[in-house]
Amino acid sequence: MKKKLLLNMLLCLITLSTFAQEYRPMLTDGKEWHCFRRVALSDVDWDPNGEWTYTIKVVGDSVINGVAYKKMCKEYTQDVPSGKNKCTYFAAIEKDRKVYSYSEDGDVLYFDFNLHEGDCVSSYPEYVVTNEETFEAKNRTYRRLVLSGFVWVEGIGSRNAFEIIPEMESELAPPYILEDYMVECYDNGELIFTKDDFYNTTTGIENVTAEDQKNADVYSISGVKIAKPEKGIYIQNKRKYIAH
């Protein structure tokens, strides 16, 4: 009886260990994200018009107030926007399947991969996980969460770089255009993920057609589903648009 009990306990521990190892961390040494930014029709000096490429890299460790963070570098690879530095640093930390950015006022949550289908983001309760699944990309298995039109992938993040819920400043006047997204992700020089992999078709998330665009659900900038676009910024098919 005791042997049977010990065997069951051992199997349970092995199962728990296997489950724990399934999580694919995001902030690992050698990880880098290649991104693209385009601004058009802007009339504000602090966000000039143009197109730029930049990278976000994990470049080591940084201890802040006794806590070990990952040191992150955002660097423009060619031209630099007016008023911006070519390279800026910030700190981020990953713990308990959550990714945070350091802030003197308290760490800011970027991603929470503890969420499951039906759960909502703690700081943005209007964003609900509508789908949870695993899929293959570049011979690796990933876990994907679909949240009210946005996609998070364990080990990668979101298509919109490091923003937890991509937002646009509400004071920007139409017809301001902003695109800012991840193009590719590398792990120690190896390409492991591209922007197209976020919407991999092997598990039912299909490419958007013109008809899909026309019939897709519409959300306000705060994530509330609406019947039709209102004046200002709205979200449809994971992209932001401006209604006049």
Protein backbone atom coordinates (compact mmCIF):
# COMPACT_ATOMS: atom_id res chain seq x y z
CA MET A 1 0.00 0.00 0.00
CA LYS A 2 2.82 2.37 0.95
CA LYS A 3 4.71 1.53 -2.25
CA LYS A 4 1.60 2.27 -4.29
CA LEU A 5 1.09 5.58 -2.50
CA LEU A 6 4.73 6.59 -3.04
CA LEU A 7 4.47 5.64 -6.72
CA ASN A 8 1.35 7.79 -7.13
CA MET A 9 3.07 10.70 -5.41
CA LEU A 10 6.11 10.31 -7.67
CA LEU A 11 3.93 10.26 -10.79
CA CYS A 12 2.13 13.35 -9.55
CA LEU A 13 5.41 15.19 -9.00
CA ILE A 14 6.62 14.19 -12.46
CA THR A 15 3.36 15.45 -13.99
CA LEU A 16 3.63 18.76 -12.11
CA SER A 17 7.27 19.12 -13.13
CA THR A 18 6.41 18.47 -16.77
CA PHE A 19 3.59 21.02 -16.64
CA ALA A 20 5.89 23.62 -15.08
CA GLN A 21 8.47 23.09 -17.81
CA GLU A 22 5.87 23.76 -20.51
CA TYR A 23 5.99 27.50 -19.88
CA ARG A 24 8.16 29.24 -22.47
CA PRO A 25 9.81 32.33 -20.87
CA MET A 26 9.98 35.59 -22.79
CA LEU A 27 12.89 37.55 -21.28
CA THR A 28 15.80 35.21 -21.97
CA ASP A 29 19.41 36.18 -22.74
CA GLY A 30 19.98 36.45 -26.48
CA LYS A 31 16.35 37.24 -27.29
CA GLU A 32 15.67 40.16 -29.62
CA TRP A 33 12.65 41.58 -31.41
CA HIS A 34 12.98 43.38 -34.75
CA CYS A 35 10.24 46.00 -35.10
CA PHE A 36 8.83 48.54 -37.55
CA ARG A 37 7.20 51.92 -36.88
CA ARG A 38 5.39 54.21 -39.31
CA VAL A 39 3.78 57.56 -38.53
CA ALA A 40 1.87 59.54 -41.13
CA LEU A 41 -0.24 62.70 -41.12
CA SER A 42 0.93 63.60 -37.63
CA ASP A 43 0.83 67.27 -36.62
CA VAL A 44 2.66 66.92 -33.29
CA ASP A 45 6.40 67.49 -32.87
CA TRP A 46 6.93 64.65 -30.38
CA ASP A 47 5.73 61.99 -32.87
CA PRO A 48 7.11 63.02 -36.29
CA ASN A 49 6.12 61.48 -39.60
CA GLY A 50 8.36 58.79 -41.07
CA GLU A 51 9.26 55.11 -41.12
CA TRP A 52 11.83 53.48 -38.84
CA THR A 53 13.17 50.06 -37.94
CA TYR A 54 14.37 49.25 -34.43
CA THR A 55 15.26 46.33 -32.19
CA ILE A 56 14.45 45.48 -28.60
CA LYS A 57 17.08 43.23 -27.02
CA VAL A 58 17.74 41.50 -23.72
CA VAL A 59 21.29 42.71 -23.00
CA GLY A 60 22.01 41.45 -19.50
CA ASP A 61 20.92 41.90 -15.91
CA SER A 62 20.30 44.96 -13.77
CA VAL A 63 19.73 45.00 -10.00
CA ILE A 64 17.31 47.67 -8.82
CA ASN A 65 16.53 48.01 -5.11
CA GLY A 66 17.88 44.52 -4.55
CA VAL A 67 15.69 42.97 -7.28
CA ALA A 68 17.22 41.37 -10.39
CA TYR A 69 15.70 42.72 -13.61
CA LYS A 70 16.58 42.13 -17.24
CA LYS A 71 18.29 45.07 -18.92
CA MET A 72 16.52 45.88 -22.19
CA CYS A 73 17.83 48.02 -25.05
CA LYS A 74 15.65 49.69 -27.68
CA GLU A 75 17.82 50.77 -30.59
CA TYR A 76 16.95 52.32 -33.94
CA THR A 77 18.84 50.42 -36.63
CA GLN A 78 18.97 53.10 -39.34
CA ASP A 79 17.43 56.56 -39.16
CA VAL A 80 16.45 58.00 -35.78
CA PRO A 81 13.22 60.00 -35.29
CA SER A 82 13.68 63.68 -34.54
CA GLY A 83 14.06 64.27 -30.83
CA LYS A 84 14.72 60.59 -30.03
CA ASN A 85 17.90 58.85 -28.89
CA LYS A 86 19.36 56.10 -31.07
CA CYS A 87 19.47 53.77 -28.08
CA THR A 88 17.45 53.80 -24.85
CA TYR A 89 17.46 51.36 -21.95
CA PHE A 90 14.73 50.10 -19.65
CA ALA A 91 14.31 47.26 -17.18
CA ALA A 92 11.84 44.39 -17.28
CA ILE A 93 11.20 41.36 -15.13
CA GLU A 94 9.43 38.03 -15.61
CA LYS A 95 8.02 36.17 -12.62
CA ASP A 96 5.14 33.78 -12.03
CA ARG A 97 4.35 33.76 -15.77
CA LYS A 98 3.94 37.54 -15.77
CA VAL A 99 6.08 40.14 -17.56
CA TYR A 100 6.52 43.60 -16.03
CA SER A 101 8.34 46.81 -16.94
CA TYR A 102 10.16 48.59 -14.13
CA SER A 103 8.68 51.85 -12.88
CA GLU A 104 9.58 53.91 -9.82
CA ASP A 105 5.88 54.02 -9.00
CA GLY A 106 5.58 50.23 -9.20
CA ASP A 107 6.18 47.68 -11.92
CA VAL A 108 3.78 47.87 -14.87
CA LEU A 109 2.22 44.61 -16.04
CA TYR A 110 2.81 43.84 -19.74
CA PHE A 111 1.65 40.23 -20.02
CA ASP A 112 -0.07 37.71 -17.76
CA PHE A 113 0.28 34.19 -19.11
CA ASN A 114 -1.57 32.70 -16.13
CA LEU A 115 -4.79 33.65 -17.90
CA HIS A 116 -7.08 31.06 -19.44
CA GLU A 117 -10.13 31.21 -21.67
CA GLY A 118 -12.82 33.32 -20.00
CA ASP A 119 -10.38 35.25 -17.77
CA CYS A 120 -9.90 39.01 -18.06
CA VAL A 121 -6.77 41.14 -17.75
CA SER A 122 -6.63 42.44 -14.17
CA SER A 123 -5.76 46.02 -15.11
CA TYR A 124 -8.04 46.00 -18.19
CA PRO A 125 -11.17 44.01 -17.19
CA GLU A 126 -12.85 44.76 -20.53
CA TYR A 127 -10.24 42.56 -22.27
CA VAL A 128 -11.27 38.90 -22.01
CA VAL A 129 -9.42 35.80 -23.21
CA THR A 130 -11.73 34.50 -25.93
CA ASN A 131 -9.48 31.66 -27.09
CA GLU A 132 -6.55 29.65 -25.70
CA GLU A 133 -4.57 27.19 -27.80
CA THR A 134 -1.19 25.75 -28.73
CA PHE A 135 0.32 25.91 -32.20
CA GLU A 136 3.54 25.29 -34.13
CA ALA A 137 5.87 27.96 -35.54
CA LYS A 138 9.41 27.39 -36.82
CA ASN A 139 9.39 23.86 -35.32
CA ARG A 140 8.56 25.15 -31.85
CA THR A 141 5.35 24.79 -29.88
CA TYR A 142 3.76 27.93 -28.44
CA ARG A 143 0.73 28.81 -26.34
CA ARG A 144 -1.49 31.58 -27.68
CA LEU A 145 -4.10 33.73 -25.94
CA VAL A 146 -6.61 35.72 -28.00
CA LEU A 147 -7.96 38.72 -26.07
CA SER A 148 -10.85 40.67 -27.58
CA GLY A 149 -9.04 41.04 -30.89
CA PHE A 150 -5.41 40.99 -29.67
CA VAL A 151 -2.99 38.07 -29.50
CA TRP A 152 -0.39 37.18 -26.85
CA VAL A 153 2.10 34.35 -27.37
CA GLU A 154 4.15 32.82 -24.56
CA GLY A 155 7.84 33.42 -25.05
CA ILE A 156 7.25 36.07 -27.72
CA GLY A 157 4.82 38.75 -26.49
CA SER A 158 2.40 40.54 -28.79
CA ARG A 159 2.59 41.77 -32.36
CA ASN A 160 2.51 45.33 -31.03
CA ALA A 161 5.94 44.98 -29.41
CA PHE A 162 5.82 45.39 -25.62
CA GLU A 163 2.44 47.04 -25.10
CA ILE A 164 0.06 45.06 -22.89
CA ILE A 165 -2.96 46.44 -24.70
CA PRO A 166 -1.94 48.53 -27.71
CA GLU A 167 -3.36 52.03 -27.36
CA MET A 168 -3.15 55.28 -29.29
CA GLU A 169 -3.09 58.68 -27.59
CA SER A 170 -6.66 59.97 -27.69
CA GLU A 171 -5.61 63.61 -28.20
CA LEU A 172 -4.13 62.88 -31.62
CA ALA A 173 -6.37 64.38 -34.26
CA PRO A 174 -7.55 62.40 -37.31
CA PRO A 175 -6.37 61.36 -39.82
CA TYR A 176 -3.25 60.44 -37.79
CA ILE A 177 -1.84 57.02 -38.80
CA LEU A 178 0.35 54.89 -36.53
CA GLU A 179 1.79 51.43 -37.16
CA ASP A 180 4.18 49.99 -34.59
CA TYR A 181 4.70 46.23 -34.58
CA MET A 182 7.10 43.32 -34.28
CA VAL A 183 8.38 41.92 -37.58
CA GLU A 184 10.63 39.08 -36.39
CA CYS A 185 11.89 37.55 -33.15
CA TYR A 186 15.33 35.94 -32.77
CA ASP A 187 16.83 33.72 -30.09
CA ASN A 188 20.64 33.90 -30.08
CA GLY A 189 20.66 34.72 -33.77
CA GLU A 190 18.09 32.09 -34.79
CA LEU A 191 14.83 33.29 -36.32
CA ILE A 192 12.09 31.73 -34.19
CA PHE A 193 8.97 33.79 -34.91
CA THR A 194 7.55 36.33 -37.39
CA LYS A 195 4.55 38.64 -37.32
CA ASP A 196 2.62 36.22 -39.56
CA ASP A 197 3.01 33.45 -36.97
CA PHE A 198 0.76 35.32 -34.54
CA TYR A 199 -2.20 34.45 -36.76
CA ASN A 200 -1.00 31.01 -37.83
CA THR A 201 -3.79 29.29 -39.81
CA THR A 202 -3.09 25.76 -38.53
CA THR A 203 -5.35 26.22 -35.50
CA GLY A 204 -8.23 28.20 -36.95
CA ILE A 205 -6.99 31.80 -36.86
CA GLU A 206 -7.15 32.61 -40.55
CA ASN A 207 -5.89 35.46 -42.68
CA VAL A 208 -8.24 38.42 -42.88
CA THR A 209 -10.10 38.82 -46.17
CA ALA A 210 -11.93 41.92 -47.41
CA GLU A 211 -15.23 40.29 -46.45
CA ASP A 212 -13.88 39.44 -42.98
CA GLN A 213 -12.84 43.07 -42.55
CA LYS A 214 -16.30 44.27 -43.47
CA ASN A 215 -18.08 41.89 -41.07
CA ALA A 216 -15.55 41.85 -38.19
CA ASP A 217 -16.60 43.03 -34.73
CA VAL A 218 -15.82 46.64 -33.87
CA TYR A 219 -14.41 47.81 -30.53
CA SER A 220 -13.91 51.21 -28.95
CA ILE A 221 -10.39 52.24 -27.94
CA SER A 222 -11.23 51.08 -24.40
CA GLY A 223 -12.06 47.60 -25.68
CA VAL A 224 -15.86 47.79 -25.47
CA LYS A 225 -17.69 46.10 -28.35
CA ILE A 226 -19.80 48.62 -30.31
CA ALA A 227 -22.40 48.32 -33.06
CA LYS A 228 -20.60 50.63 -35.50
CA PRO A 229 -17.58 52.94 -35.49
CA GLU A 230 -18.03 56.18 -33.62
CA LYS A 231 -16.18 59.40 -34.34
CA GLY A 232 -12.56 58.97 -33.29
CA ILE A 233 -10.40 55.86 -32.88
CA TYR A 234 -11.86 52.36 -33.10
CA ILE A 235 -10.43 48.83 -33.38
CA GLN A 236 -11.35 46.20 -35.98
CA ASN A 237 -9.45 43.05 -36.96
CA LYS A 238 -6.65 43.87 -34.52
CA ARG A 239 -5.94 47.24 -36.18
CA LYS A 240 -6.80 50.82 -35.24
CA TYR A 241 -8.83 53.07 -37.53
CA ILE A 242 -10.23 56.58 -37.27
CA ALA A 243 -13.86 57.39 -38.03
CA HIS A 244 -14.59 60.92 -39.16
